[in-house]
Amino acid sequence: MKITDLTVTLFGWPDIPATTYGRHTGRFSGESDLGLVALQTDGGLVGHAFLGSAMRPASLDAQGLIQYLKPLVVGQDPLDRERLWQMLWQRNRATTLRTIGAVDVALWDLCGKIAGLPLHRLLGSYRTRVPAYASSAVLGSPQAYADEAIRFKKEGWTAYKIHPPTDPVVDVEVCRAVRRAVGDSFKVMLDSTWAYEYPDALRVGKVIEELGFHWYEDPLADDDLYNYVKLKQQLSIPILATEYAPGGFTALAPWIVARATDYLRGDPAVKGGITPLVKSAHLAEAFHMSFEIHHGGNSLNNVANLHVIMAIKNCEMFEVLLPAGAQKYGLAQDIEVDAQGMVHAFEGPGLGAAIDFDLIARRKTAILS
């Protein structure tokens, strides 16, 4: 079987609620667009992925995907995933990790369809369900965070992560309010979104350490290896870094060698697909580290995340980024959390997700080929 064509269908995403996750995102709302990446084959099977997110339209990246990546895969055997990913990675300076990730996800979807297996089976299944955690947007007050955390706890979820306003004094108030609200046995995490300098990171870390938080995520700049080492030496709460470690998969090695983080982190958009995500998880496992998979930015990336989580041992939870209106779009049936706070594997061939092709046809703005 050979790949005969690659297209990107851009389609509008309206009515995105006003949302922010920290200084790195700013406040976004209104409209964005996604791209439906389609890998056509001479056997009639098609591999799909989504490009883009609510805060980064696919139209910013789609032309680069067509110009730099399409020529690498057309005419190739889709089962040569590793060889093709290595070729795609060589274009990482010409295009973006997001475009490489989208093509890689589409390749995996296609290979699953060729095999007639869901991706987690193709990867080697470890489980078929995993706990989810609610991951907040930046909210208006400590009480708003506390109320939201209580609501998810009542709905059966087992963990809640705070994206704080990124003022260290206010952030501490938020953390204390949430812990008071949910009690000591409920898992709570803090993701400070790279906002602090070392002194504030240490002060906030000591507070949430006393509060029994489950992990402390991205308190320092994503390239501040020196101060992450210092911070980890001063705190007993686990540190979670490397979500955006510059350099992709191979950039994780210095963090391990320097003992700068307790967990590794990634997703298909920021690491360049399912292929490096699995490599990263296995690298972490070799050092008895967890690899906590980050929200993928769009619905099909999150389905890809779910398949990888089902195929590895060392990821504890599935991230559900809030609000849903800024994260879920383009599927006829998206990932849902059950009454026990669990998400379940998709069992159809490939990604196994039902794409809403009618919605895409109605909202189509362009086809790039």
Protein backbone atom coordinates (compact mmCIF):
# COMPACT_ATOMS: atom_id res chain seq x y z
CA MET A 1 0.00 0.00 0.00
CA LYS A 2 1.21 3.50 -0.88
CA ILE A 3 0.20 6.98 0.22
CA THR A 4 -1.21 8.76 -2.84
CA ASP A 5 -2.16 12.17 -1.44
CA LEU A 6 -2.17 14.40 1.64
CA THR A 7 -4.70 17.19 2.12
CA VAL A 8 -5.60 19.59 4.93
CA THR A 9 -9.22 20.74 5.13
CA LEU A 10 -9.50 23.90 7.22
CA PHE A 11 -12.79 24.34 9.09
CA GLY A 12 -14.01 27.06 11.42
CA TRP A 13 -14.40 26.69 15.18
CA PRO A 14 -16.83 29.36 16.44
CA ASP A 15 -18.11 30.34 19.90
CA ILE A 16 -14.94 29.61 21.87
CA PRO A 17 -15.47 30.91 25.43
CA ALA A 18 -13.06 33.49 26.82
CA THR A 19 -10.27 31.44 28.38
CA THR A 20 -6.73 31.75 29.71
CA TYR A 21 -4.34 29.25 31.26
CA GLY A 22 -1.60 31.68 32.23
CA ARG A 23 0.74 34.26 30.79
CA HIS A 24 1.84 32.00 27.94
CA THR A 25 -1.65 31.83 26.40
CA GLY A 26 -3.03 35.28 27.08
CA ARG A 27 -6.81 35.50 26.83
CA PHE A 28 -8.33 33.91 23.74
CA SER A 29 -11.96 33.64 22.64
CA GLY A 30 -14.28 33.80 19.64
CA GLU A 31 -13.10 31.86 16.61
CA SER A 32 -10.26 29.59 15.55
CA ASP A 33 -9.91 26.89 12.93
CA LEU A 34 -8.80 23.28 12.85
CA GLY A 35 -7.36 21.31 9.97
CA LEU A 36 -8.46 17.79 9.08
CA VAL A 37 -5.30 16.08 7.84
CA ALA A 38 -6.11 13.22 5.46
CA LEU A 39 -3.60 10.66 4.15
CA GLN A 40 -5.10 8.93 1.10
CA THR A 41 -3.86 5.51 -0.06
CA ASP A 42 -4.12 3.44 -3.21
CA GLY A 43 -5.93 0.81 -1.11
CA GLY A 44 -8.80 3.17 -0.31
CA LEU A 45 -8.00 3.62 3.39
CA VAL A 46 -7.55 7.12 4.82
CA GLY A 47 -5.61 8.17 7.90
CA HIS A 48 -6.79 11.26 9.78
CA ALA A 49 -5.56 13.75 12.35
CA PHE A 50 -6.48 17.24 13.51
CA LEU A 51 -4.11 20.19 13.29
CA GLY A 52 -4.60 23.29 15.47
CA SER A 53 -6.33 24.29 18.69
CA ALA A 54 -8.63 26.93 20.10
CA MET A 55 -5.65 29.19 20.85
CA ARG A 56 -3.55 28.40 17.75
CA PRO A 57 -5.47 28.16 14.46
CA ALA A 58 -4.44 25.43 12.04
CA SER A 59 -4.25 28.07 9.29
CA LEU A 60 -1.01 29.30 10.89
CA ASP A 61 0.70 25.94 10.24
CA ALA A 62 -1.16 24.18 7.44
CA GLN A 63 0.74 25.62 4.47
CA GLY A 64 4.04 24.59 6.01
CA LEU A 65 2.71 21.06 6.43
CA ILE A 66 1.82 20.90 2.74
CA GLN A 67 5.03 22.53 1.54
CA TYR A 68 7.59 20.73 3.70
CA LEU A 69 6.03 17.46 4.89
CA LYS A 70 3.67 16.28 2.17
CA PRO A 71 6.51 15.53 -0.30
CA LEU A 72 8.14 13.26 2.28
CA VAL A 73 5.17 10.90 2.67
CA VAL A 74 3.41 10.80 -0.71
CA GLY A 75 4.45 7.64 -2.54
CA GLN A 76 5.65 5.99 0.67
CA ASP A 77 4.48 2.86 2.48
CA PRO A 78 2.53 4.04 5.57
CA LEU A 79 3.77 1.05 7.56
CA ASP A 80 7.28 2.52 7.48
CA ARG A 81 6.28 4.74 10.41
CA GLU A 82 9.68 5.01 12.09
CA ARG A 83 11.53 5.79 8.86
CA LEU A 84 8.90 8.36 7.89
CA TRP A 85 8.96 10.00 11.32
CA GLN A 86 12.75 10.33 11.15
CA MET A 87 12.35 12.02 7.76
CA LEU A 88 9.63 14.34 9.10
CA TRP A 89 11.79 15.23 12.10
CA GLN A 90 14.55 16.43 9.80
CA ARG A 91 12.17 19.22 8.75
CA ASN A 92 11.59 20.49 12.30
CA ARG A 93 13.39 23.77 11.60
CA ALA A 94 11.40 24.43 8.43
CA THR A 95 7.99 23.73 9.96
CA THR A 96 6.56 23.13 13.47
CA LEU A 97 6.34 20.21 15.87
CA ARG A 98 2.55 20.51 15.57
CA THR A 99 2.60 19.77 11.85
CA ILE A 100 5.01 16.86 12.30
CA GLY A 101 2.76 15.56 15.07
CA ALA A 102 -0.36 15.80 12.91
CA VAL A 103 1.20 13.81 10.06
CA ASP A 104 2.52 11.21 12.51
CA VAL A 105 -0.90 10.81 14.17
CA ALA A 106 -2.50 10.38 10.73
CA LEU A 107 0.11 7.74 9.88
CA TRP A 108 -0.67 5.81 13.06
CA ASP A 109 -4.42 6.09 12.39
CA LEU A 110 -3.84 4.71 8.91
CA CYS A 111 -1.67 1.85 10.18
CA GLY A 112 -4.32 0.90 12.74
CA LYS A 113 -6.91 0.78 9.97
CA ILE A 114 -4.63 -1.38 7.82
CA ALA A 115 -4.21 -3.79 10.74
CA GLY A 116 -7.89 -3.57 11.73
CA LEU A 117 -6.84 -2.75 15.30
CA PRO A 118 -7.22 0.18 17.69
CA LEU A 119 -3.93 1.97 18.24
CA HIS A 120 -3.55 0.84 21.84
CA ARG A 121 -3.67 -2.77 20.61
CA LEU A 122 -1.15 -2.01 17.89
CA LEU A 123 1.14 -0.40 20.48
CA GLY A 124 0.61 -3.24 22.96
CA SER A 125 -2.21 -2.72 25.44
CA TYR A 126 -1.58 -2.42 29.17
CA ARG A 127 -5.11 -1.41 30.27
CA THR A 128 -8.44 -0.21 28.90
CA ARG A 129 -9.35 2.56 31.36
CA VAL A 130 -7.53 5.21 33.38
CA PRO A 131 -8.50 7.95 35.90
CA ALA A 132 -9.07 11.45 34.57
CA TYR A 133 -8.28 14.74 36.26
CA ALA A 134 -9.97 18.10 35.79
CA SER A 135 -7.48 20.79 34.74
CA SER A 136 -8.75 24.31 35.42
CA ALA A 137 -8.56 27.49 33.41
CA VAL A 138 -7.51 30.65 35.27
CA LEU A 139 -10.52 31.59 37.41
CA GLY A 140 -11.55 34.83 39.08
CA SER A 141 -11.10 34.06 42.77
CA PRO A 142 -9.88 31.41 45.23
CA GLN A 143 -13.52 30.56 45.95
CA ALA A 144 -14.20 29.95 42.25
CA TYR A 145 -11.43 27.34 42.20
CA ALA A 146 -12.72 25.76 45.40
CA ASP A 147 -16.27 25.56 44.05
CA GLU A 148 -15.10 23.98 40.80
CA ALA A 149 -12.95 21.41 42.58
CA ILE A 150 -15.86 20.44 44.86
CA ARG A 151 -18.14 20.03 41.85
CA PHE A 152 -15.78 17.59 40.15
CA LYS A 153 -15.23 15.68 43.37
CA LYS A 154 -19.00 15.26 43.75
CA GLU A 155 -19.21 14.01 40.16
CA GLY A 156 -16.82 11.15 40.96
CA TRP A 157 -13.53 12.59 39.69
CA THR A 158 -10.47 11.82 41.81
CA ALA A 159 -8.13 14.73 41.05
CA TYR A 160 -8.08 18.44 40.20
CA LYS A 161 -5.26 20.61 38.81
CA ILE A 162 -4.99 24.35 39.33
CA HIS A 163 -3.86 26.77 36.63
CA PRO A 164 -3.44 29.80 38.93
CA PRO A 165 -3.43 33.55 38.17
CA THR A 166 0.43 33.37 38.43
CA ASP A 167 0.73 35.95 41.19
CA PRO A 168 2.56 33.92 43.86
CA VAL A 169 0.64 35.48 46.78
CA VAL A 170 -2.74 34.89 45.14
CA ASP A 171 -1.70 31.43 43.95
CA VAL A 172 -1.01 30.35 47.52
CA GLU A 173 -4.47 31.57 48.55
CA VAL A 174 -6.01 29.57 45.72
CA CYS A 175 -4.14 26.41 46.73
CA ARG A 176 -5.19 26.74 50.36
CA ALA A 177 -8.82 27.36 49.40
CA VAL A 178 -8.95 24.28 47.18
CA ARG A 179 -7.33 22.04 49.78
CA ARG A 180 -9.79 23.21 52.46
CA ALA A 181 -12.69 22.58 50.12
CA VAL A 182 -11.85 19.05 48.96
CA GLY A 183 -10.15 17.64 52.07
CA ASP A 184 -6.84 15.89 52.49
CA SER A 185 -7.52 12.66 50.58
CA PHE A 186 -8.42 14.24 47.22
CA LYS A 187 -5.54 14.67 44.74
CA VAL A 188 -4.69 18.29 43.90
CA MET A 189 -1.90 19.54 41.62
CA LEU A 190 -0.52 23.00 40.78
CA ASP A 191 0.58 24.01 37.27
CA SER A 192 2.18 27.45 37.52
CA THR A 193 2.81 27.64 33.74
CA TRP A 194 6.48 28.70 33.84
CA ALA A 195 5.57 31.92 35.67
CA TYR A 196 7.96 32.13 38.65
CA GLU A 197 11.55 33.02 39.31
CA TYR A 198 13.36 30.68 41.69
CA PRO A 199 12.63 32.49 45.02
CA ASP A 200 8.86 32.55 44.41
CA ALA A 201 8.90 29.02 43.03
CA LEU A 202 10.50 27.86 46.27
CA ARG A 203 8.08 29.79 48.50
CA VAL A 204 5.01 28.48 46.67
CA GLY A 205 6.48 24.98 46.53
CA LYS A 206 6.96 24.85 50.29
CA VAL A 207 3.32 25.84 50.85
CA ILE A 208 1.84 23.22 48.52
CA GLU A 209 4.26 20.66 49.90
CA GLU A 210 2.74 21.27 53.35
CA LEU A 211 -0.73 21.06 51.82
CA GLY A 212 0.03 17.60 50.44
CA PHE A 213 -0.27 18.45 46.74
CA HIS A 214 0.35 15.56 44.36
CA TRP A 215 2.79 17.35 42.02
CA TYR A 216 4.21 20.80 41.25
CA GLU A 217 4.19 21.47 37.52
CA ASP A 218 6.24 23.91 35.46
CA PRO A 219 6.98 26.55 38.11
CA LEU A 220 10.09 27.86 36.30
CA ALA A 221 10.93 28.76 32.70
CA ASP A 222 11.00 25.74 30.42
CA ASP A 223 14.76 26.04 29.81
CA ASP A 224 15.83 26.87 33.39
CA LEU A 225 17.57 23.58 34.08
CA TYR A 226 19.91 25.14 36.65
CA ASN A 227 17.14 26.40 38.94
CA TYR A 228 15.02 23.27 38.49
CA VAL A 229 17.93 21.30 39.94
CA LYS A 230 18.11 23.70 42.91
CA LEU A 231 14.34 23.61 43.40
CA LYS A 232 14.14 19.83 43.34
CA GLN A 233 16.90 19.65 45.97
CA GLN A 234 14.90 21.91 48.29
CA LEU A 235 11.46 20.30 47.96
CA SER A 236 10.05 16.84 48.59
CA ILE A 237 6.92 17.39 46.47
CA PRO A 238 7.43 15.80 43.03
CA ILE A 239 8.38 18.25 40.26
CA LEU A 240 6.83 17.84 36.82
CA ALA A 241 8.67 19.62 34.00
CA THR A 242 9.72 19.10 30.32
CA GLU A 243 6.35 19.77 28.66
CA TYR A 244 8.01 22.29 26.35
CA ALA A 245 11.66 21.35 26.90
CA PRO A 246 13.35 22.88 23.85
CA GLY A 247 14.52 20.26 21.37
CA GLY A 248 11.81 17.62 21.44
CA PHE A 249 12.28 14.00 22.50
CA THR A 250 16.09 14.02 22.73
CA ALA A 251 16.01 17.14 24.94
CA LEU A 252 14.66 15.00 27.78
CA ALA A 253 18.01 13.33 28.41
CA PRO A 254 19.71 16.33 30.09
CA TRP A 255 16.79 16.68 32.52
CA ILE A 256 17.19 13.07 33.59
CA VAL A 257 20.98 13.27 33.88
CA ALA A 258 20.79 16.53 35.88
CA ARG A 259 18.05 15.12 38.15
CA ALA A 260 16.04 18.26 37.46
CA THR A 261 12.54 16.75 37.43
CA ASP A 262 10.66 13.79 38.92
CA TYR A 263 8.31 13.32 35.96
CA LEU A 264 8.63 13.74 32.20
CA ARG A 265 5.87 15.36 30.14
CA GLY A 266 4.59 15.64 26.56
CA ASP A 267 1.78 15.32 24.02
CA PRO A 268 1.52 14.76 20.23
CA ALA A 269 1.46 18.48 19.40
CA VAL A 270 4.48 19.60 21.43
CA LYS A 271 6.63 16.48 20.97
CA GLY A 272 5.88 15.74 17.31
CA GLY A 273 3.40 12.88 17.29
CA ILE A 274 2.64 9.48 18.77
CA THR A 275 6.05 8.10 17.79
CA PRO A 276 8.14 10.39 20.07
CA LEU A 277 5.46 10.18 22.76
CA VAL A 278 5.95 6.43 23.05
CA LYS A 279 9.75 6.84 22.91
CA SER A 280 9.54 9.38 25.74
CA ALA A 281 7.36 7.14 27.88
CA HIS A 282 9.76 4.23 27.49
CA LEU A 283 12.75 6.47 28.23
CA ALA A 284 11.05 7.56 31.46
CA GLU A 285 10.22 3.96 32.36
CA ALA A 286 13.89 3.00 32.06
CA PHE A 287 14.58 5.45 34.92
CA HIS A 288 11.50 4.38 36.91
CA MET A 289 9.90 7.77 36.17
CA SER A 290 6.32 8.60 35.28
CA PHE A 291 5.53 10.15 31.92
CA GLU A 292 2.41 12.25 32.43
CA ILE A 293 0.81 12.99 29.08
CA HIS A 294 -0.31 16.57 28.54
CA HIS A 295 -3.58 17.67 26.96
CA GLY A 296 -3.25 17.49 23.18
CA GLY A 297 -4.91 20.78 22.19
CA ASN A 298 -7.67 19.21 20.06
CA SER A 299 -10.05 16.29 20.23
CA LEU A 300 -8.21 13.86 17.95
CA ASN A 301 -4.88 14.52 19.67
CA ASN A 302 -6.58 13.66 22.94
CA VAL A 303 -7.82 10.39 21.47
CA ALA A 304 -4.20 9.73 20.43
CA ASN A 305 -3.15 10.55 24.01
CA LEU A 306 -5.67 8.07 25.33
CA HIS A 307 -4.35 5.26 23.12
CA VAL A 308 -0.77 5.89 24.26
CA ILE A 309 -1.82 5.97 27.92
CA MET A 310 -3.58 2.63 27.47
CA ALA A 311 -0.37 1.15 26.05
CA ILE A 312 2.07 2.24 28.79
CA LYS A 313 2.34 1.59 32.51
CA ASN A 314 3.95 4.81 33.71
CA CYS A 315 1.21 7.42 33.17
CA GLU A 316 -1.08 7.92 36.13
CA MET A 317 -3.94 10.03 34.78
CA PHE A 318 -5.61 11.52 31.69
CA GLU A 319 -5.81 15.33 31.58
CA VAL A 320 -9.18 16.95 30.81
CA LEU A 321 -8.53 20.63 30.18
CA LEU A 322 -11.38 23.01 30.99
CA PRO A 323 -13.64 24.49 29.77
CA ALA A 324 -14.92 21.92 27.29
CA GLY A 325 -15.98 24.64 24.85
CA ALA A 326 -12.33 25.60 24.35
CA GLN A 327 -11.11 22.02 23.95
CA LYS A 328 -13.69 19.71 22.37
CA TYR A 329 -14.61 20.15 18.72
CA GLY A 330 -14.88 18.15 15.52
CA LEU A 331 -15.91 14.70 16.79
CA ALA A 332 -19.39 13.21 16.71
CA GLN A 333 -18.61 11.57 20.06
CA ASP A 334 -15.78 12.90 22.21
CA ILE A 335 -14.00 11.42 25.24
CA GLU A 336 -16.24 11.38 28.31
CA VAL A 337 -15.52 10.71 31.98
CA ASP A 338 -17.71 8.11 33.70
CA ALA A 339 -19.29 8.25 37.17
CA GLN A 340 -16.15 6.73 38.71
CA GLY A 341 -13.90 9.41 37.21
CA MET A 342 -12.50 7.10 34.52
CA VAL A 343 -12.00 7.39 30.77
CA HIS A 344 -12.08 4.33 28.53
CA ALA A 345 -10.15 3.15 25.48
CA PHE A 346 -11.57 3.65 21.99
CA GLU A 347 -11.88 0.24 20.33
CA GLY A 348 -12.41 1.03 16.64
CA PRO A 349 -9.59 0.57 14.11
CA GLY A 350 -6.88 3.24 14.21
CA LEU A 351 -7.84 6.17 16.41
CA GLY A 352 -11.35 4.73 16.47
CA ALA A 353 -12.97 8.16 16.85
CA ALA A 354 -16.10 9.21 14.96
CA ILE A 355 -15.12 12.40 13.12
CA ASP A 356 -18.02 14.79 12.48
CA PHE A 357 -17.59 15.04 8.73
CA ASP A 358 -20.92 16.87 8.34
CA LEU A 359 -19.74 19.62 10.69
CA ILE A 360 -16.44 19.87 8.81
CA ALA A 361 -18.30 20.18 5.47
CA ARG A 362 -20.52 22.95 6.87
CA ARG A 363 -17.61 24.89 8.41
CA LYS A 364 -15.06 24.27 5.63
CA THR A 365 -13.04 27.36 4.67
CA ALA A 366 -10.30 25.88 2.45
CA ILE A 367 -8.70 22.67 1.23
CA LEU A 368 -4.92 22.70 0.97
CA SER A 369 -3.25 20.08 -1.23
